[in-house]
C-alpha atoms as a PDB file:
ATOM      1  CA  UNK A   1      33.103 169.935-237.232  1.00  0.00           C
ATOM      2  CA  UNK A   2      30.585 172.524-235.846  1.00  0.00           C
ATOM      3  CA  UNK A   3      31.574 174.225-232.788  1.00  0.00           C
ATOM      4  CA  UNK A   4      29.412 173.708-229.635  1.00  0.00           C
ATOM      5  CA  UNK A   5      27.736 176.812-227.976  1.00  0.00           C
ATOM      6  CA  UNK A   6      29.839 176.284-224.796  1.00  0.00           C
ATOM      7  CA  UNK A   7      33.128 176.768-227.487  1.00  0.00           C
ATOM      8  CA  UNK A   8      31.349 179.877-229.411  1.00  0.00           C
ATOM      9  CA  UNK A   9      30.447 181.503-225.810  1.00  0.00           C
ATOM     10  CA  UNK A  10      34.390 181.054-224.729  1.00  0.00           C
ATOM     11  CA  UNK A  11      35.255 182.665-228.397  1.00  0.00           C
ATOM     12  CA  UNK A  12      33.001 185.857-227.626  1.00  0.00           C
ATOM     13  CA  UNK A  13      34.558 186.385-224.186  1.00  0.00           C
ATOM     14  CA  UNK A  14      38.021 186.508-226.381  1.00  0.00           C
ATOM     15  CA  UNK A  15      36.677 188.737-228.848  1.00  0.00           C
ATOM     16  CA  UNK A  16      34.992 190.973-226.856  1.00  0.00           C
ATOM     17  CA  UNK A  17      37.204 191.450-223.864  1.00  0.00           C
ATOM     18  CA  UNK A  18      40.703 191.327-225.217  1.00  0.00           C
ATOM     19  CA  UNK A  19      42.095 193.902-223.069  1.00  0.00           C
ATOM     20  CA  UNK A  20      41.417 191.542-220.110  1.00  0.00           C
ATOM     21  CA  UNK A  21      42.121 188.537-221.497  1.00  0.00           C
ATOM     22  CA  UNK A  22      45.523 189.303-222.952  1.00  0.00           C
ATOM     23  CA  UNK A  23      46.248 190.587-219.597  1.00  0.00           C
ATOM     24  CA  UNK A  24      45.318 187.706-217.791  1.00  0.00           C
ATOM     25  CA  UNK A  25      46.955 185.738-220.066  1.00  0.00           C
ATOM     26  CA  UNK A  26      50.063 187.660-219.059  1.00  0.00           C
ATOM     27  CA  UNK A  27      50.034 187.276-215.549  1.00  0.00           C
ATOM     28  CA  UNK A  28      48.787 183.791-215.619  1.00  0.00           C
ATOM     29  CA  UNK A  29      51.961 182.728-217.830  1.00  0.00           C
ATOM     30  CA  UNK A  30      54.240 184.509-214.938  1.00  0.00           C
ATOM     31  CA  UNK A  31      52.279 182.878-212.267  1.00  0.00           C
ATOM     32  CA  UNK A  32      53.181 179.367-213.664  1.00  0.00           C
ATOM     33  CA  UNK A  33      56.686 180.277-213.421  1.00  0.00           C
ATOM     34  CA  UNK A  34      56.998 181.874-210.388  1.00  0.00           C
ATOM     35  CA  UNK A  35      53.712 181.503-208.335  1.00  0.00           C
ATOM     36  CA  UNK A  36      54.826 183.206-204.945  1.00  0.00           C
ATOM     37  CA  UNK A  37      56.125 186.328-206.709  1.00  0.00           C
ATOM     38  CA  UNK A  38      53.067 186.817-208.588  1.00  0.00           C
ATOM     39  CA  UNK A  39      50.086 185.554-206.529  1.00  0.00           C
ATOM     40  CA  UNK A  40      49.058 189.308-205.754  1.00  0.00           C
ATOM     41  CA  UNK A  41      48.489 190.032-209.203  1.00  0.00           C
ATOM     42  CA  UNK A  42      47.327 187.277-210.652  1.00  0.00           C
ATOM     43  CA  UNK A  43      44.005 187.616-207.972  1.00  0.00           C
ATOM     44  CA  UNK A  44      43.824 190.875-208.602  1.00  0.00           C
ATOM     45  CA  UNK A  45      43.738 190.301-212.715  1.00  0.00           C
ATOM     46  CA  UNK A  46      42.258 187.066-212.249  1.00  0.00           C
ATOM     47  CA  UNK A  47      39.009 188.250-209.849  1.00  0.00           C
ATOM     48  CA  UNK A  48      38.109 190.495-213.152  1.00  0.00           C
ATOM     49  CA  UNK A  49      38.711 187.886-215.701  1.00  0.00           C
ATOM     50  CA  UNK A  50      37.051 185.157-213.854  1.00  0.00           C
ATOM     51  CA  UNK A  51      34.335 187.676-213.233  1.00  0.00           C
ATOM     52  CA  UNK A  52      33.972 188.445-216.729  1.00  0.00           C
ATOM     53  CA  UNK A  53      34.049 184.512-217.545  1.00  0.00           C
ATOM     54  CA  UNK A  54      31.284 183.959-215.095  1.00  0.00           C
ATOM     55  CA  UNK A  55      28.747 186.695-216.924  1.00  0.00           C
ATOM     56  CA  UNK A  56      29.405 184.848-220.157  1.00  0.00           C
ATOM     57  CA  UNK A  57      28.647 181.458-218.740  1.00  0.00           C
ATOM     58  CA  UNK A  58      25.167 183.110-217.253  1.00  0.00           C
ATOM     59  CA  UNK A  59      24.603 184.252-220.548  1.00  0.00           C
ATOM     60  CA  UNK A  60      25.275 180.807-222.448  1.00  0.00           C
ATOM     61  CA  UNK A  61      23.540 178.793-219.240  1.00  0.00           C
ATOM     62  CA  UNK A  62      20.851 181.331-217.736  1.00  0.00           C
ATOM     63  CA  UNK A  63      17.598 180.661-220.036  1.00  0.00           C
ATOM     64  CA  UNK A  64      18.190 177.070-219.793  1.00  0.00           C
ATOM     65  CA  UNK A  65      18.145 176.606-215.554  1.00  0.00           C
ATOM     66  CA  UNK A  66      14.618 177.938-215.749  1.00  0.00           C
ATOM     67  CA  UNK A  67      13.305 174.850-217.608  1.00  0.00           C
ATOM     68  CA  UNK A  68      13.352 171.453-217.637  1.00  0.00           C
ATOM     69  CA  UNK A  69      16.624 171.710-219.211  1.00  0.00           C
ATOM     70  CA  UNK A  70      18.600 172.248-215.763  1.00  0.00           C
ATOM     71  CA  UNK A  71      20.570 168.892-216.236  1.00  0.00           C
ATOM     72  CA  UNK A  72      21.824 170.025-219.941  1.00  0.00           C
ATOM     73  CA  UNK A  73      22.695 173.200-218.498  1.00  0.00           C
ATOM     74  CA  UNK A  74      25.324 171.743-216.048  1.00  0.00           C
ATOM     75  CA  UNK A  75      26.546 169.521-218.998  1.00  0.00           C
ATOM     76  CA  UNK A  76      27.012 173.092-220.893  1.00  0.00           C
ATOM     77  CA  UNK A  77      28.670 174.945-217.915  1.00  0.00           C
ATOM     78  CA  UNK A  78      31.194 171.995-216.999  1.00  0.00           C
ATOM     79  CA  UNK A  79      32.223 172.290-221.252  1.00  0.00           C
ATOM     80  CA  UNK A  80      32.337 175.555-221.306  1.00  0.00           C
ATOM     81  CA  UNK A  81      34.827 175.738-218.108  1.00  0.00           C
ATOM     82  CA  UNK A  82      36.727 172.901-219.299  1.00  0.00           C
ATOM     83  CA  UNK A  83      37.354 175.484-222.605  1.00  0.00           C
ATOM     84  CA  UNK A  84      38.522 178.104-219.854  1.00  0.00           C
ATOM     85  CA  UNK A  85      40.720 175.390-218.097  1.00  0.00           C
ATOM     86  CA  UNK A  86      42.797 174.235-221.092  1.00  0.00           C
ATOM     87  CA  UNK A  87      43.970 177.830-222.110  1.00  0.00           C
ATOM     88  CA  UNK A  88      44.198 178.609-218.500  1.00  0.00           C
ATOM     89  CA  UNK A  89      44.829 175.289-216.027  1.00  0.00           C
ATOM     90  CA  UNK A  90      45.415 177.585-212.819  1.00  0.00           C
ATOM     91  CA  UNK A  91      42.021 179.701-213.197  1.00  0.00           C
ATOM     92  CA  UNK A  92      40.777 177.972-210.073  1.00  0.00           C
ATOM     93  CA  UNK A  93      43.611 179.205-208.094  1.00  0.00           C
ATOM     94  CA  UNK A  94      42.472 182.850-208.354  1.00  0.00           C
ATOM     95  CA  UNK A  95      41.580 184.499-204.720  1.00  0.00           C
ATOM     96  CA  UNK A  96      43.528 181.364-203.192  1.00  0.00           C
ATOM     97  CA  UNK A  97      45.745 183.272-200.787  1.00  0.00           C
ATOM     98  CA  UNK A  98      48.375 181.104-198.915  1.00  0.00           C
ATOM     99  CA  UNK A  99      49.829 181.923-195.775  1.00  0.00           C
ATOM    100  CA  UNK A 100      53.131 180.432-194.043  1.00  0.00           C
END
């Protein structure tokens, strides 16, 4: 089965940014086990990782948004983020601050 552009771009991110990817993978696992103890580190490392994920998303969708394929661009972006969230289900919590 051929891979989608979204999947190829996510794999490229993992190949080209292995250090940041592995750092986030480790802190994501620790955050899943104990969110309170690991939140600050998760947010610090996650901020960098999310920035890189968004940069690759712009590379994937940037040209499409300036054409008549903007609706298609949204679908491609959603597919790309689905691959990210499959591996990192808590990525949307990066930057979330909980105050008691």
